[in-house]
């Protein structure tokens, strides 16, 4: 595949997206459900304990993130 061929690139992009089941739109709860636990699966009677941890990118480690950007 030539990277300078936009049609070939688009076809490969669609193929990989389909193979990996990547949705058109992806929200934080979608990512959490695929990588860890689905926050929508907990009911009112669920008991939860411990600490939640979120990894930062290199940019996030260097510059931080806006306050409450990731608040729950």
PDB file of N, CA and C in Angstrom:
ATOM      1  N   UNK A   1       0.837  -1.179   0.000  1.00  0.00           N
ATOM      2  CA  UNK A   1       0.000   0.000   0.000  1.00  0.00           C
ATOM      3  C   UNK A   1       0.882   1.243   0.000  1.00  0.00           C
ATOM      4  N   UNK A   2       0.555   2.158  -0.841  1.00  0.00           N
ATOM      5  CA  UNK A   2       1.270   3.429  -0.905  1.00  0.00           C
ATOM      6  C   UNK A   2       0.589   4.426   0.022  1.00  0.00           C
ATOM      7  N   UNK A   3       1.372   5.050   0.877  1.00  0.00           N
ATOM      8  CA  UNK A   3       0.809   6.045   1.801  1.00  0.00           C
ATOM      9  C   UNK A   3       0.355   7.299   1.068  1.00  0.00           C
ATOM     10  N   UNK A   4       0.795   7.453  -0.168  1.00  0.00           N
ATOM     11  CA  UNK A   4       0.384   8.618  -0.940  1.00  0.00           C
ATOM     12  C   UNK A   4      -0.903   8.359  -1.725  1.00  0.00           C
ATOM     13  N   UNK A   5      -1.467   7.157  -1.589  1.00  0.00           N
ATOM     14  CA  UNK A   5      -2.710   6.803  -2.270  1.00  0.00           C
ATOM     15  C   UNK A   5      -3.864   6.900  -1.269  1.00  0.00           C
ATOM     16  N   UNK A   6      -4.630   7.995  -1.299  1.00  0.00           N
ATOM     17  CA  UNK A   6      -5.682   8.186  -0.295  1.00  0.00           C
ATOM     18  C   UNK A   6      -6.771   7.123  -0.327  1.00  0.00           C
ATOM     19  N   UNK A   7      -7.080   6.590  -1.483  1.00  0.00           N
ATOM     20  CA  UNK A   7      -8.110   5.548  -1.563  1.00  0.00           C
ATOM     21  C   UNK A   7      -7.631   4.258  -0.908  1.00  0.00           C
ATOM     22  N   UNK A   8      -6.375   3.882  -1.135  1.00  0.00           N
ATOM     23  CA  UNK A   8      -5.816   2.682  -0.519  1.00  0.00           C
ATOM     24  C   UNK A   8      -5.709   2.866   0.998  1.00  0.00           C
ATOM     25  N   UNK A   9      -5.300   4.056   1.409  1.00  0.00           N
ATOM     26  CA  UNK A   9      -5.205   4.337   2.844  1.00  0.00           C
ATOM     27  C   UNK A   9      -6.580   4.228   3.494  1.00  0.00           C
ATOM     28  N   UNK A  10      -7.605   4.834   2.871  1.00  0.00           N
ATOM     29  CA  UNK A  10      -8.965   4.801   3.425  1.00  0.00           C
ATOM     30  C   UNK A  10      -9.490   3.371   3.488  1.00  0.00           C
ATOM     31  N   UNK A  11      -9.209   2.573   2.473  1.00  0.00           N
ATOM     32  CA  UNK A  11      -9.661   1.182   2.475  1.00  0.00           C
ATOM     33  C   UNK A  11      -9.006   0.402   3.603  1.00  0.00           C
ATOM     34  N   UNK A  12      -7.698   0.595   3.791  1.00  0.00           N
ATOM     35  CA  UNK A  12      -6.984  -0.108   4.877  1.00  0.00           C
ATOM     36  C   UNK A  12      -7.477   0.369   6.235  1.00  0.00           C
ATOM     37  N   UNK A  13      -7.724   1.666   6.377  1.00  0.00           N
ATOM     38  CA  UNK A  13      -8.241   2.230   7.628  1.00  0.00           C
ATOM     39  C   UNK A  13      -9.582   1.570   7.979  1.00  0.00           C
ATOM     40  N   UNK A  14     -10.482   1.480   7.009  1.00  0.00           N
ATOM     41  CA  UNK A  14     -11.789   0.856   7.248  1.00  0.00           C
ATOM     42  C   UNK A  14     -11.631  -0.615   7.624  1.00  0.00           C
ATOM     43  N   UNK A  15     -10.693  -1.309   6.972  1.00  0.00           N
ATOM     44  CA  UNK A  15     -10.456  -2.722   7.264  1.00  0.00           C
ATOM     45  C   UNK A  15      -9.978  -2.912   8.708  1.00  0.00           C
ATOM     46  N   UNK A  16      -8.983  -2.137   9.103  1.00  0.00           N
ATOM     47  CA  UNK A  16      -8.448  -2.261  10.463  1.00  0.00           C
ATOM     48  C   UNK A  16      -9.507  -1.870  11.479  1.00  0.00           C
ATOM     49  N   UNK A  17     -10.253  -0.815  11.206  1.00  0.00           N
ATOM     50  CA  UNK A  17     -11.316  -0.363  12.112  1.00  0.00           C
ATOM     51  C   UNK A  17     -12.352  -1.464  12.313  1.00  0.00           C
ATOM     52  N   UNK A  18     -12.707  -2.155  11.234  1.00  0.00           N
ATOM     53  CA  UNK A  18     -13.678  -3.242  11.329  1.00  0.00           C
ATOM     54  C   UNK A  18     -13.089  -4.438  12.080  1.00  0.00           C
ATOM     55  N   UNK A  19     -11.846  -4.804  11.772  1.00  0.00           N
ATOM     56  CA  UNK A  19     -11.200  -5.944  12.434  1.00  0.00           C
ATOM     57  C   UNK A  19     -11.092  -5.731  13.938  1.00  0.00           C
ATOM     58  N   UNK A  20     -10.778  -4.508  14.344  1.00  0.00           N
ATOM     59  CA  UNK A  20     -10.592  -4.207  15.768  1.00  0.00           C
ATOM     60  C   UNK A  20     -11.874  -3.732  16.452  1.00  0.00           C
ATOM     61  N   UNK A  21     -12.964  -3.693  15.681  1.00  0.00           N
ATOM     62  CA  UNK A  21     -14.271  -3.263  16.180  1.00  0.00           C
ATOM     63  C   UNK A  21     -14.173  -1.881  16.836  1.00  0.00           C
ATOM     64  N   UNK A  22     -13.537  -0.940  16.139  1.00  0.00           N
ATOM     65  CA  UNK A  22     -13.398   0.425  16.621  1.00  0.00           C
ATOM     66  C   UNK A  22     -14.645   1.199  16.219  1.00  0.00           C
ATOM     67  N   UNK A  23     -15.377   1.749  17.201  1.00  0.00           N
ATOM     68  CA  UNK A  23     -16.608   2.472  16.861  1.00  0.00           C
ATOM     69  C   UNK A  23     -16.314   3.836  16.237  1.00  0.00           C
ATOM     70  N   UNK A  24     -17.320   4.388  15.557  1.00  0.00           N
ATOM     71  CA  UNK A  24     -17.176   5.723  14.970  1.00  0.00           C
ATOM     72  C   UNK A  24     -16.983   6.774  16.054  1.00  0.00           C
ATOM     73  N   UNK A  25     -17.716   6.627  17.142  1.00  0.00           N
ATOM     74  CA  UNK A  25     -17.618   7.546  18.276  1.00  0.00           C
ATOM     75  C   UNK A  25     -17.246   6.723  19.503  1.00  0.00           C
ATOM     76  N   UNK A  26     -16.350   7.249  20.310  1.00  0.00           N
ATOM     77  CA  UNK A  26     -15.895   6.514  21.490  1.00  0.00           C
ATOM     78  C   UNK A  26     -15.800   7.473  22.673  1.00  0.00           C
ATOM     79  N   UNK A  27     -16.523   7.159  23.721  1.00  0.00           N
ATOM     80  CA  UNK A  27     -16.538   7.986  24.923  1.00  0.00           C
ATOM     81  C   UNK A  27     -15.742   7.308  26.036  1.00  0.00           C
ATOM     82  N   UNK A  28     -15.491   8.041  27.115  1.00  0.00           N
ATOM     83  CA  UNK A  28     -14.688   7.520  28.226  1.00  0.00           C
ATOM     84  C   UNK A  28     -15.245   6.211  28.762  1.00  0.00           C
ATOM     85  N   UNK A  29     -16.573   6.103  28.907  1.00  0.00           N
ATOM     86  CA  UNK A  29     -17.132   4.850  29.443  1.00  0.00           C
ATOM     87  C   UNK A  29     -16.942   3.689  28.451  1.00  0.00           C
ATOM     88  N   UNK A  30     -16.893   3.975  27.147  1.00  0.00           N
ATOM     89  CA  UNK A  30     -16.618   2.925  26.164  1.00  0.00           C
ATOM     90  C   UNK A  30     -15.193   2.402  26.334  1.00  0.00           C
ATOM     91  N   UNK A  31     -14.264   3.319  26.525  1.00  0.00           N
ATOM     92  CA  UNK A  31     -12.863   2.943  26.712  1.00  0.00           C
ATOM     93  C   UNK A  31     -12.701   2.145  27.993  1.00  0.00           C
ATOM     94  N   UNK A  32     -13.315   2.618  29.082  1.00  0.00           N
ATOM     95  CA  UNK A  32     -13.234   1.908  30.363  1.00  0.00           C
ATOM     96  C   UNK A  32     -13.795   0.497  30.236  1.00  0.00           C
ATOM     97  N   UNK A  33     -14.924   0.359  29.546  1.00  0.00           N
ATOM     98  CA  UNK A  33     -15.544  -0.961  29.398  1.00  0.00           C
ATOM     99  C   UNK A  33     -14.641  -1.920  28.632  1.00  0.00           C
ATOM    100  N   UNK A  34     -13.919  -1.425  27.641  1.00  0.00           N
ATOM    101  CA  UNK A  34     -13.065  -2.307  26.848  1.00  0.00           C
ATOM    102  C   UNK A  34     -11.736  -2.603  27.522  1.00  0.00           C
ATOM    103  N   UNK A  35     -11.217  -1.649  28.309  1.00  0.00           N
ATOM    104  CA  UNK A  35      -9.894  -1.828  28.904  1.00  0.00           C
ATOM    105  C   UNK A  35      -9.911  -2.347  30.331  1.00  0.00           C
ATOM    106  N   UNK A  36     -11.029  -2.162  31.030  1.00  0.00           N
ATOM    107  CA  UNK A  36     -11.044  -2.514  32.443  1.00  0.00           C
ATOM    108  C   UNK A  36     -12.423  -3.013  32.843  1.00  0.00           C
ATOM    109  N   UNK A  37     -13.224  -2.149  33.429  1.00  0.00           N
ATOM    110  CA  UNK A  37     -14.583  -2.513  33.834  1.00  0.00           C
ATOM    111  C   UNK A  37     -15.575  -1.541  33.211  1.00  0.00           C
ATOM    112  N   UNK A  38     -16.770  -2.034  32.960  1.00  0.00           N
ATOM    113  CA  UNK A  38     -17.822  -1.217  32.376  1.00  0.00           C
ATOM    114  C   UNK A  38     -18.543  -0.475  33.497  1.00  0.00           C
ATOM    115  N   UNK A  39     -18.381   0.847  33.583  1.00  0.00           N
ATOM    116  CA  UNK A  39     -19.030   1.583  34.668  1.00  0.00           C
ATOM    117  C   UNK A  39     -20.547   1.507  34.598  1.00  0.00           C
ATOM    118  N   UNK A  40     -21.100   1.232  33.435  1.00  0.00           N
ATOM    119  CA  UNK A  40     -22.547   1.108  33.305  1.00  0.00           C
ATOM    120  C   UNK A  40     -23.079  -0.215  33.812  1.00  0.00           C
ATOM    121  N   UNK A  41     -22.201  -1.162  34.109  1.00  0.00           N
ATOM    122  CA  UNK A  41     -22.627  -2.481  34.567  1.00  0.00           C
ATOM    123  C   UNK A  41     -22.889  -2.528  36.069  1.00  0.00           C
ATOM    124  N   UNK A  42     -22.490  -1.492  36.793  1.00  0.00           N
ATOM    125  CA  UNK A  42     -22.703  -1.474  38.237  1.00  0.00           C
ATOM    126  C   UNK A  42     -24.109  -0.995  38.544  1.00  0.00           C
ATOM    127  N   UNK A  43     -24.774  -1.704  39.415  1.00  0.00           N
ATOM    128  CA  UNK A  43     -26.106  -1.296  39.851  1.00  0.00           C
ATOM    129  C   UNK A  43     -26.031  -0.540  41.162  1.00  0.00           C
ATOM    130  N   UNK A  44     -27.175  -0.134  41.665  1.00  0.00           N
ATOM    131  CA  UNK A  44     -27.244   0.641  42.908  1.00  0.00           C
ATOM    132  C   UNK A  44     -26.726  -0.148  44.106  1.00  0.00           C
ATOM    133  N   UNK A  45     -26.803  -1.467  44.045  1.00  0.00           N
ATOM    134  CA  UNK A  45     -26.368  -2.276  45.186  1.00  0.00           C
ATOM    135  C   UNK A  45     -24.906  -2.694  45.096  1.00  0.00           C
ATOM    136  N   UNK A  46     -24.209  -2.294  44.066  1.00  0.00           N
ATOM    137  CA  UNK A  46     -22.804  -2.678  43.904  1.00  0.00           C
ATOM    138  C   UNK A  46     -21.939  -2.024  44.970  1.00  0.00           C
ATOM    139  N   UNK A  47     -21.076  -2.829  45.561  1.00  0.00           N
ATOM    140  CA  UNK A  47     -20.121  -2.314  46.546  1.00  0.00           C
ATOM    141  C   UNK A  47     -18.771  -2.193  45.852  1.00  0.00           C
ATOM    142  N   UNK A  48     -18.196  -1.016  45.919  1.00  0.00           N
ATOM    143  CA  UNK A  48     -16.934  -0.754  45.254  1.00  0.00           C
ATOM    144  C   UNK A  48     -15.950  -0.204  46.267  1.00  0.00           C
ATOM    145  N   UNK A  49     -14.707  -0.645  46.199  1.00  0.00           N
ATOM    146  CA  UNK A  49     -13.672  -0.145  47.097  1.00  0.00           C
ATOM    147  C   UNK A  49     -12.360  -0.036  46.357  1.00  0.00           C
ATOM    148  N   UNK A  50     -11.410   0.611  46.978  1.00  0.00           N
ATOM    149  CA  UNK A  50     -10.095   0.738  46.373  1.00  0.00           C
ATOM    150  C   UNK A  50      -9.891   2.101  45.752  1.00  0.00           C
ATOM    151  N   UNK A  51      -8.892   2.165  44.911  1.00  0.00           N
ATOM    152  CA  UNK A  51      -8.543   3.427  44.270  1.00  0.00           C
ATOM    153  C   UNK A  51      -8.545   3.259  42.762  1.00  0.00           C
ATOM    154  N   UNK A  52      -9.052   4.252  42.080  1.00  0.00           N
ATOM    155  CA  UNK A  52      -8.986   4.263  40.631  1.00  0.00           C
ATOM    156  C   UNK A  52      -7.710   4.956  40.192  1.00  0.00           C
ATOM    157  N   UNK A  53      -7.094   4.441  39.163  1.00  0.00           N
ATOM    158  CA  UNK A  53      -5.840   5.001  38.678  1.00  0.00           C
ATOM    159  C   UNK A  53      -5.958   5.211  37.178  1.00  0.00           C
ATOM    160  N   UNK A  54      -5.476   6.353  36.718  1.00  0.00           N
ATOM    161  CA  UNK A  54      -5.483   6.648  35.295  1.00  0.00           C
ATOM    162  C   UNK A  54      -4.076   7.035  34.887  1.00  0.00           C
ATOM    163  N   UNK A  55      -3.568   6.383  33.867  1.00  0.00           N
ATOM    164  CA  UNK A  55      -2.225   6.690  33.389  1.00  0.00           C
ATOM    165  C   UNK A  55      -2.251   7.961  32.558  1.00  0.00           C
ATOM    166  N   UNK A  56      -1.224   8.763  32.677  1.00  0.00           N
ATOM    167  CA  UNK A  56      -1.096   9.971  31.876  1.00  0.00           C
ATOM    168  C   UNK A  56      -0.127   9.739  30.723  1.00  0.00           C
ATOM    169  N   UNK A  57      -0.340  10.448  29.644  1.00  0.00           N
ATOM    170  CA  UNK A  57       0.597  10.421  28.533  1.00  0.00           C
ATOM    171  C   UNK A  57       1.851  11.192  28.936  1.00  0.00           C
ATOM    172  N   UNK A  58       2.877  11.140  28.117  1.00  0.00           N
ATOM    173  CA  UNK A  58       4.095  11.907  28.384  1.00  0.00           C
ATOM    174  C   UNK A  58       3.760  13.392  28.473  1.00  0.00           C
ATOM    175  N   UNK A  59       2.881  13.870  27.595  1.00  0.00           N
ATOM    176  CA  UNK A  59       2.462  15.273  27.618  1.00  0.00           C
ATOM    177  C   UNK A  59       1.739  15.582  28.921  1.00  0.00           C
ATOM    178  N   UNK A  60       0.865  14.684  29.357  1.00  0.00           N
ATOM    179  CA  UNK A  60       0.142  14.885  30.606  1.00  0.00           C
ATOM    180  C   UNK A  60       1.069  14.900  31.811  1.00  0.00           C
ATOM    181  N   UNK A  61       2.092  14.043  31.788  1.00  0.00           N
ATOM    182  CA  UNK A  61       3.053  14.039  32.898  1.00  0.00           C
ATOM    183  C   UNK A  61       3.844  15.337  32.923  1.00  0.00           C
ATOM    184  N   UNK A  62       4.201  15.839  31.749  1.00  0.00           N
ATOM    185  CA  UNK A  62       5.009  17.060  31.686  1.00  0.00           C
ATOM    186  C   UNK A  62       4.193  18.307  32.019  1.00  0.00           C
ATOM    187  N   UNK A  63       2.981  18.384  31.468  1.00  0.00           N
ATOM    188  CA  UNK A  63       2.185  19.605  31.592  1.00  0.00           C
ATOM    189  C   UNK A  63       0.988  19.483  32.523  1.00  0.00           C
ATOM    190  N   UNK A  64       0.672  18.289  32.972  1.00  0.00           N
ATOM    191  CA  UNK A  64      -0.503  18.080  33.811  1.00  0.00           C
ATOM    192  C   UNK A  64      -1.768  18.114  32.975  1.00  0.00           C
ATOM    193  N   UNK A  65      -2.905  18.117  33.655  1.00  0.00           N
ATOM    194  CA  UNK A  65      -4.196  18.194  32.969  1.00  0.00           C
ATOM    195  C   UNK A  65      -5.052  19.222  33.691  1.00  0.00           C
ATOM    196  N   UNK A  66      -6.031  19.803  33.006  1.00  0.00           N
ATOM    197  CA  UNK A  66      -6.879  20.808  33.646  1.00  0.00           C
ATOM    198  C   UNK A  66      -7.581  20.224  34.872  1.00  0.00           C
ATOM    199  N   UNK A  67      -7.715  21.009  35.900  1.00  0.00           N
ATOM    200  CA  UNK A  67      -8.393  20.566  37.125  1.00  0.00           C
ATOM    201  C   UNK A  67      -9.800  20.115  36.802  1.00  0.00           C
ATOM    202  N   UNK A  68     -10.184  18.996  37.387  1.00  0.00           N
ATOM    203  CA  UNK A  68     -11.516  18.411  37.229  1.00  0.00           C
ATOM    204  C   UNK A  68     -11.807  17.916  35.820  1.00  0.00           C
ATOM    205  N   UNK A  69     -10.825  17.913  34.941  1.00  0.00           N
ATOM    206  CA  UNK A  69     -11.074  17.386  33.601  1.00  0.00           C
ATOM    207  C   UNK A  69     -11.431  15.929  33.656  1.00  0.00           C
ATOM    208  N   UNK A  70     -10.928  15.230  34.650  1.00  0.00           N
ATOM    209  CA  UNK A  70     -11.189  13.808  34.785  1.00  0.00           C
ATOM    210  C   UNK A  70     -11.965  13.487  36.053  1.00  0.00           C
ATOM    211  N   UNK A  71     -12.624  14.467  36.601  1.00  0.00           N
ATOM    212  CA  UNK A  71     -13.366  14.248  37.850  1.00  0.00           C
ATOM    213  C   UNK A  71     -14.519  13.288  37.683  1.00  0.00           C
ATOM    214  N   UNK A  72     -14.839  12.617  38.748  1.00  0.00           N
ATOM    215  CA  UNK A  72     -15.955  11.664  38.741  1.00  0.00           C
ATOM    216  C   UNK A  72     -17.061  12.210  39.626  1.00  0.00           C
TER     217      UNK A  72
END
